[in-house]
Protein backbone atom coordinates (compact mmCIF):
# COMPACT_ATOMS: atom_id res chain seq x y z
CA UNK A 1 6.67 -1.33 -41.59
CA UNK A 2 7.78 -2.45 -38.14
CA UNK A 3 4.95 -2.89 -35.62
CA UNK A 4 4.70 -0.10 -33.04
CA UNK A 5 2.87 0.17 -29.75
CA UNK A 6 -0.07 1.63 -31.70
CA UNK A 7 -0.10 -1.14 -34.29
CA UNK A 8 -3.41 -3.06 -34.03
CA UNK A 9 -1.45 -6.33 -34.00
CA UNK A 10 0.40 -5.22 -30.86
CA UNK A 11 -2.83 -4.13 -29.19
CA UNK A 12 -4.43 -7.50 -29.92
CA UNK A 13 -1.35 -9.32 -28.62
CA UNK A 14 -1.45 -7.35 -25.36
CA UNK A 15 -5.16 -8.01 -24.88
CA UNK A 16 -4.65 -11.70 -25.61
CA UNK A 17 -1.86 -11.88 -23.02
CA UNK A 18 -4.11 -10.21 -20.44
CA UNK A 19 -7.10 -12.53 -20.98
CA UNK A 20 -6.01 -15.50 -18.83
CA UNK A 21 -5.08 -13.15 -15.98
CA UNK A 22 -8.48 -11.43 -16.19
CA UNK A 23 -10.16 -14.84 -16.05
CA UNK A 24 -7.96 -15.98 -13.17
CA UNK A 25 -8.48 -12.90 -10.97
CA UNK A 26 -12.10 -12.01 -11.75
CA UNK A 27 -14.05 -11.94 -8.48
CA UNK A 28 -10.85 -11.79 -6.41
CA UNK A 29 -9.74 -8.97 -4.09
CA UNK A 30 -6.55 -6.99 -4.71
CA UNK A 31 -5.31 -4.54 -2.06
CA UNK A 32 -3.14 -1.74 -3.44
CA UNK A 33 -1.04 0.55 -1.27
CA UNK A 34 -0.78 3.87 -3.09
CA UNK A 35 2.02 6.34 -2.35
CA UNK A 36 5.39 7.73 -3.44
CA UNK A 37 5.91 9.18 -6.91
CA UNK A 38 2.70 7.56 -8.14
CA UNK A 39 0.83 9.97 -5.86
CA UNK A 40 2.70 13.15 -6.79
CA UNK A 41 3.34 13.10 -10.57
CA UNK A 42 0.36 14.06 -12.74
CA UNK A 43 0.80 11.39 -15.44
CA UNK A 44 1.26 8.67 -12.82
CA UNK A 45 -1.75 9.88 -10.82
CA UNK A 46 -3.98 9.65 -13.89
CA UNK A 47 -2.67 6.22 -14.90
CA UNK A 48 -3.18 4.88 -11.36
CA UNK A 49 -6.82 5.98 -11.27
CA UNK A 50 -7.49 4.43 -14.69
CA UNK A 51 -5.77 1.19 -13.61
CA UNK A 52 -8.02 0.89 -10.55
CA UNK A 53 -11.18 1.56 -12.56
CA UNK A 54 -10.19 -0.96 -15.25
CA UNK A 55 -9.59 -3.62 -12.60
CA UNK A 56 -13.10 -3.08 -11.27
CA UNK A 57 -14.58 -3.17 -14.78
CA UNK A 58 -13.10 -6.61 -15.50
CA UNK A 59 -14.46 -8.09 -12.26
CA UNK A 60 -11.57 -7.62 -9.83
CA UNK A 61 -12.32 -5.97 -6.46
CA UNK A 62 -9.60 -3.38 -5.79
CA UNK A 63 -9.19 -1.89 -2.32
CA UNK A 64 -6.89 1.15 -2.09
CA UNK A 65 -4.92 2.09 1.03
CA UNK A 66 -2.97 5.32 0.72
CA UNK A 67 -0.19 7.19 2.45
CA UNK A 68 0.48 10.92 2.54
CA UNK A 69 3.65 11.65 4.51
CA UNK A 70 4.95 14.44 2.24
CA UNK A 71 1.56 16.17 2.24
CA UNK A 72 1.44 16.00 6.05
CA UNK A 73 4.94 17.46 6.29
CA UNK A 74 4.04 20.27 3.90
CA UNK A 75 1.00 21.38 5.90
CA UNK A 76 2.84 21.11 9.22
CA UNK A 77 5.51 23.39 7.79
CA UNK A 78 2.90 25.93 6.68
CA UNK A 79 1.41 25.86 10.18
CA UNK A 80 4.88 26.26 11.75
CA UNK A 81 4.57 22.93 13.58
CA UNK A 82 7.95 21.22 13.90
CA UNK A 83 8.29 17.67 12.57
CA UNK A 84 10.43 15.28 14.61
CA UNK A 85 11.21 11.68 13.68
CA UNK A 86 12.30 8.65 15.72
CA UNK A 87 13.45 5.60 13.74
CA UNK A 88 11.86 7.12 10.64
CA UNK A 89 8.47 7.61 12.33
CA UNK A 90 6.90 11.01 12.86
CA UNK A 91 6.45 11.95 16.52
CA UNK A 92 2.74 12.71 16.64
CA UNK A 93 1.34 14.75 19.51
CA UNK A 94 -2.34 15.73 19.69
CA UNK A 95 -1.81 18.88 17.60
CA UNK A 96 0.08 16.96 14.90
CA UNK A 97 -2.56 14.23 14.92
CA UNK A 98 -5.22 16.82 14.09
CA UNK A 99 -3.19 17.77 11.00
CA UNK A 100 -2.63 14.11 10.08
CA UNK A 101 -6.38 13.48 10.15
CA UNK A 102 -7.09 16.60 8.08
CA UNK A 103 -4.54 15.65 5.44
CA UNK A 104 -5.02 11.86 5.25
CA UNK A 105 -8.75 11.64 5.93
CA UNK A 106 -9.61 14.83 4.09
CA UNK A 107 -7.31 16.33 1.47
CA UNK A 108 -5.48 13.22 0.22
CA UNK A 109 -8.32 10.72 0.61
CA UNK A 110 -10.91 12.85 -1.17
CA UNK A 111 -8.46 13.73 -3.93
CA UNK A 112 -7.93 10.03 -4.71
CA UNK A 113 -11.66 9.35 -4.54
CA UNK A 114 -12.30 12.20 -6.97
CA UNK A 115 -9.65 10.97 -9.41
CA UNK A 116 -11.09 7.47 -9.50
CA UNK A 117 -14.61 8.81 -9.93
CA UNK A 118 -13.48 11.12 -12.74
CA UNK A 119 -12.05 8.05 -14.48
CA UNK A 120 -15.44 6.35 -14.40
CA UNK A 121 -15.25 4.45 -11.11
CA UNK A 122 -17.34 4.65 -7.95
CA UNK A 123 -14.94 5.26 -5.09
CA UNK A 124 -15.83 5.82 -1.44
CA UNK A 125 -13.34 7.40 0.95
CA UNK A 126 -12.91 5.97 4.44
CA UNK A 127 -10.63 6.13 7.44
CA UNK A 128 -10.14 3.35 9.93
CA UNK A 129 -12.61 5.16 12.18
CA UNK A 130 -15.51 4.56 9.78
CA UNK A 131 -17.34 1.44 10.90
CA UNK A 132 -14.53 0.94 13.45
CA UNK A 133 -12.58 -0.76 10.65
CA UNK A 134 -9.10 -0.35 12.09
CA UNK A 135 -8.71 -1.00 15.80
CA UNK A 136 -5.32 0.34 16.84
CA UNK A 137 -3.00 0.48 19.79
CA UNK A 138 -0.07 2.76 20.48
CA UNK A 139 3.16 1.63 18.87
CA UNK A 140 5.87 0.90 21.41
CA UNK A 141 9.28 2.09 20.21
CA UNK A 142 12.36 0.81 22.02
CA UNK A 143 15.83 2.32 22.02
CA UNK A 144 18.90 0.75 23.54
CA UNK A 145 22.49 1.94 23.43
CA UNK A 146 25.47 -0.26 24.42
CA UNK A 147 25.79 1.34 27.85
CA UNK A 148 22.11 0.70 28.74
CA UNK A 149 21.16 -2.41 30.72
CA UNK A 150 17.55 -2.34 29.46
CA UNK A 151 15.85 -0.75 26.48
CA UNK A 152 14.21 2.66 26.83
CA UNK A 153 10.57 3.00 25.74
CA UNK A 154 10.15 6.16 23.64
CA UNK A 155 6.72 7.75 23.53
CA UNK A 156 6.09 8.97 19.97
CA UNK A 157 2.48 9.89 20.67
CA UNK A 158 -0.37 9.04 18.32
CA UNK A 159 1.57 6.57 16.19
CA UNK A 160 -0.13 3.21 16.16
CA UNK A 161 -0.09 -0.36 15.00
CA UNK A 162 -2.99 -2.53 13.89
CA UNK A 163 -4.72 -4.57 16.55
CA UNK A 164 -7.71 -5.70 14.47
CA UNK A 165 -9.28 -5.13 11.05
CA UNK A 166 -13.06 -5.30 10.59
CA UNK A 167 -13.92 -6.09 6.97
CA UNK A 168 -17.72 -5.77 7.05
CA UNK A 169 -17.88 -2.24 5.59
CA UNK A 170 -15.20 -2.91 2.95
CA UNK A 171 -16.94 -6.09 1.79
CA UNK A 172 -20.34 -4.39 1.66
CA UNK A 173 -18.98 -1.57 -0.51
CA UNK A 174 -17.13 -3.94 -2.83
CA UNK A 175 -20.25 -6.08 -3.28
CA UNK A 176 -22.14 -2.97 -4.41
CA UNK A 177 -19.47 -2.10 -6.99
CA UNK A 178 -17.84 0.66 -4.97
CA UNK A 179 -14.07 0.99 -4.64
CA UNK A 180 -13.00 1.54 -1.00
CA UNK A 181 -10.20 4.09 -0.54
CA UNK A 182 -8.83 3.86 3.00
CA UNK A 183 -6.74 6.39 4.94
CA UNK A 184 -4.48 4.65 7.50
CA UNK A 185 -5.96 6.17 10.64
CA UNK A 186 -6.96 3.79 13.42
CA UNK A 187 -8.79 4.19 16.70
CA UNK A 188 -8.37 2.48 20.07
CA UNK A 189 -11.03 1.30 22.51
CA UNK A 190 -11.07 4.75 24.16
CA UNK A 191 -11.65 6.57 20.87
CA UNK A 192 -8.11 7.94 20.49
CA UNK A 193 -6.86 8.32 16.93
CA UNK A 194 -3.58 6.88 15.66
CA UNK A 195 -1.54 7.43 12.52
CA UNK A 196 -0.43 4.02 11.19
CA UNK A 197 2.08 3.17 8.47
CA UNK A 198 0.12 2.71 5.22
CA UNK A 199 2.11 -0.38 4.14
CA UNK A 200 1.26 -2.04 7.44
CA UNK A 201 -2.44 -1.19 7.13
CA UNK A 202 -2.54 -2.45 3.54
CA UNK A 203 -0.94 -5.74 4.58
CA UNK A 204 -3.33 -6.27 7.48
CA UNK A 205 -6.36 -5.34 5.35
CA UNK A 206 -5.21 -7.85 2.70
CA UNK A 207 -4.85 -10.56 5.36
CA UNK A 208 -8.27 -9.84 6.87
CA UNK A 209 -9.95 -9.92 3.45
CA UNK A 210 -8.13 -13.08 2.35
CA UNK A 211 -6.97 -11.10 -0.68
CA UNK A 212 -5.56 -12.64 -3.82
CA UNK A 213 -2.84 -10.00 -4.01
CA UNK A 214 -1.20 -7.25 -1.99
CA UNK A 215 0.50 -4.63 -4.16
CA UNK A 216 2.87 -2.09 -2.57
CA UNK A 217 3.85 0.80 -4.84
CA UNK A 218 7.37 2.07 -4.21
CA UNK A 219 9.93 4.46 -5.69
CA UNK A 220 12.33 1.68 -6.65
CA UNK A 221 12.27 -1.02 -9.31
CA UNK A 222 11.70 -3.74 -6.71
CA UNK A 223 13.84 -5.84 -4.41
CA UNK A 224 17.38 -5.97 -5.78
CA UNK A 225 20.36 -8.23 -5.22
CA UNK A 226 23.95 -7.09 -4.70
CA UNK A 227 24.41 -6.71 -8.47
CA UNK A 228 21.46 -4.34 -8.74
CA UNK A 229 19.21 -6.89 -10.47
CA UNK A 230 15.52 -7.04 -9.58
CA UNK A 231 14.61 -10.26 -7.80
CA UNK A 232 11.19 -11.77 -8.45
CA UNK A 233 9.38 -15.07 -8.11
CA UNK A 234 10.58 -15.36 -4.50
CA UNK A 235 9.22 -17.73 -1.88
CA UNK A 236 8.77 -16.63 1.73
CA UNK A 237 11.68 -18.90 2.69
CA UNK A 238 13.95 -17.19 0.14
CA UNK A 239 12.93 -13.77 1.48
CA UNK A 240 13.72 -14.91 5.04
CA UNK A 241 17.19 -15.94 3.80
CA UNK A 242 17.73 -12.57 2.08
CA UNK A 243 16.85 -10.77 5.32
CA UNK A 244 19.18 -13.03 7.31
CA UNK A 245 22.16 -12.48 4.99
CA UNK A 246 21.66 -8.70 4.87
CA UNK A 247 20.63 -8.42 1.21
CA UNK A 248 17.39 -6.83 2.39
CA UNK A 249 18.21 -3.96 4.71
CA UNK A 250 17.52 -0.32 5.47
CA UNK A 251 14.35 1.35 4.23
CA UNK A 252 13.27 -1.67 2.16
CA UNK A 253 13.20 -3.99 5.18
CA UNK A 254 9.89 -2.78 6.75
CA UNK A 255 8.12 -2.95 3.38
CA UNK A 256 9.41 -6.46 2.68
CA UNK A 257 8.44 -7.61 6.19
CA UNK A 258 4.94 -6.26 5.58
CA UNK A 259 4.67 -8.20 2.31
CA UNK A 260 6.17 -11.30 3.92
CA UNK A 261 3.75 -11.21 6.87
CA UNK A 262 0.79 -10.79 4.52
CA UNK A 263 1.72 -13.86 2.47
CA UNK A 264 2.39 -15.91 5.61
CA UNK A 265 -1.01 -14.69 6.84
CA UNK A 266 -2.89 -16.11 3.87
CA UNK A 267 -2.60 -13.56 1.05
CA UNK A 268 -1.86 -15.50 -2.16
CA UNK A 269 0.92 -13.18 -3.35
CA UNK A 270 2.55 -9.85 -2.54
CA UNK A 271 4.10 -7.52 -5.08
CA UNK A 272 6.66 -4.75 -4.54
CA UNK A 273 6.18 -2.70 -7.71
CA UNK A 274 7.73 0.39 -9.24
CA UNK A 275 5.19 3.16 -8.90
CA UNK A 276 7.31 5.42 -11.12
CA UNK A 277 6.21 3.34 -14.13
CA UNK A 278 2.96 4.43 -15.78
CA UNK A 279 0.23 1.78 -15.46
CA UNK A 280 2.47 -0.24 -13.13
CA UNK A 281 -0.51 -1.93 -11.46
CA UNK A 282 -1.91 -3.30 -14.72
CA UNK A 283 1.52 -4.29 -16.00
CA UNK A 284 2.14 -6.35 -12.88
CA UNK A 285 -1.26 -8.05 -12.87
CA UNK A 286 -1.97 -8.58 -16.57
CA UNK A 287 1.39 -9.19 -18.26
CA UNK A 288 3.92 -12.00 -18.13
CA UNK A 289 6.86 -9.69 -17.44
CA UNK A 290 5.54 -7.54 -14.57
CA UNK A 291 7.35 -4.54 -13.11
CA UNK A 292 8.57 -5.58 -9.69
CA UNK A 293 9.17 -8.29 -7.11
CA UNK A 294 6.65 -11.10 -6.58
CA UNK A 295 6.55 -13.00 -3.28
CA UNK A 296 4.48 -16.14 -2.74
CA UNK A 297 4.34 -18.96 -0.21
CA UNK A 298 5.37 -21.52 -2.84
CA UNK A 299 8.23 -23.87 -2.03
């Protein structure tokens, strides 16, 4: 009889392959940005929660940062609040920001916390406001057309960028065996709230924590070359070259820049992984093959 995925020999082989990775990463911090299909499909939601709990059980300290753009858009539509976008970013006035906080800091955040807890973990939901973790400033968006002599600054409201990350609360929770789940809402020195891109927050949190890994879940197989093949084992220099020659472009560019900045900022490795694959997080950490693109600062 041919071995199958349920054959005990296969199970033992998989566990044996995972052992050196468990030993290598035990006690280390892994920041995971959670979003896309992995957040909307039931089987993927369940596998993600189990992956996070298993990581904690084997001694790794996972920190989850989540998005929630589709959920925000859905509630805005129900409330008859128009969504406008500039360069792919939602224009966020005070009314929209109230909805963003309700969805990200409430509905989505507590749903993820509940899922992890139901899988046997101990998750705590936070926003960047809690413990003043994420100090933000307003994001300046420039637009310039050929006929303009200087760029125009476009005010997109309560959309921010990270100014500073405080890690004290995250580290305290992790040390007490809790799993921090962070909504990407920051606050400035005057107490104003800002919606920040979740990839960016995850990258900055990983840098501030000196994380072993940053994992960004996406809806694609990873970074691909012109032939459609997934590229992995890339150095930061190689990624810079791929940006320069146009291989990395469009919607993938901001995500890759986030991963690149994190690695250049001290994170050991960044992973762009396919969140459409069940148990993608464990497959990337604990197997030789992985399911995405790995970026390190190696020469």
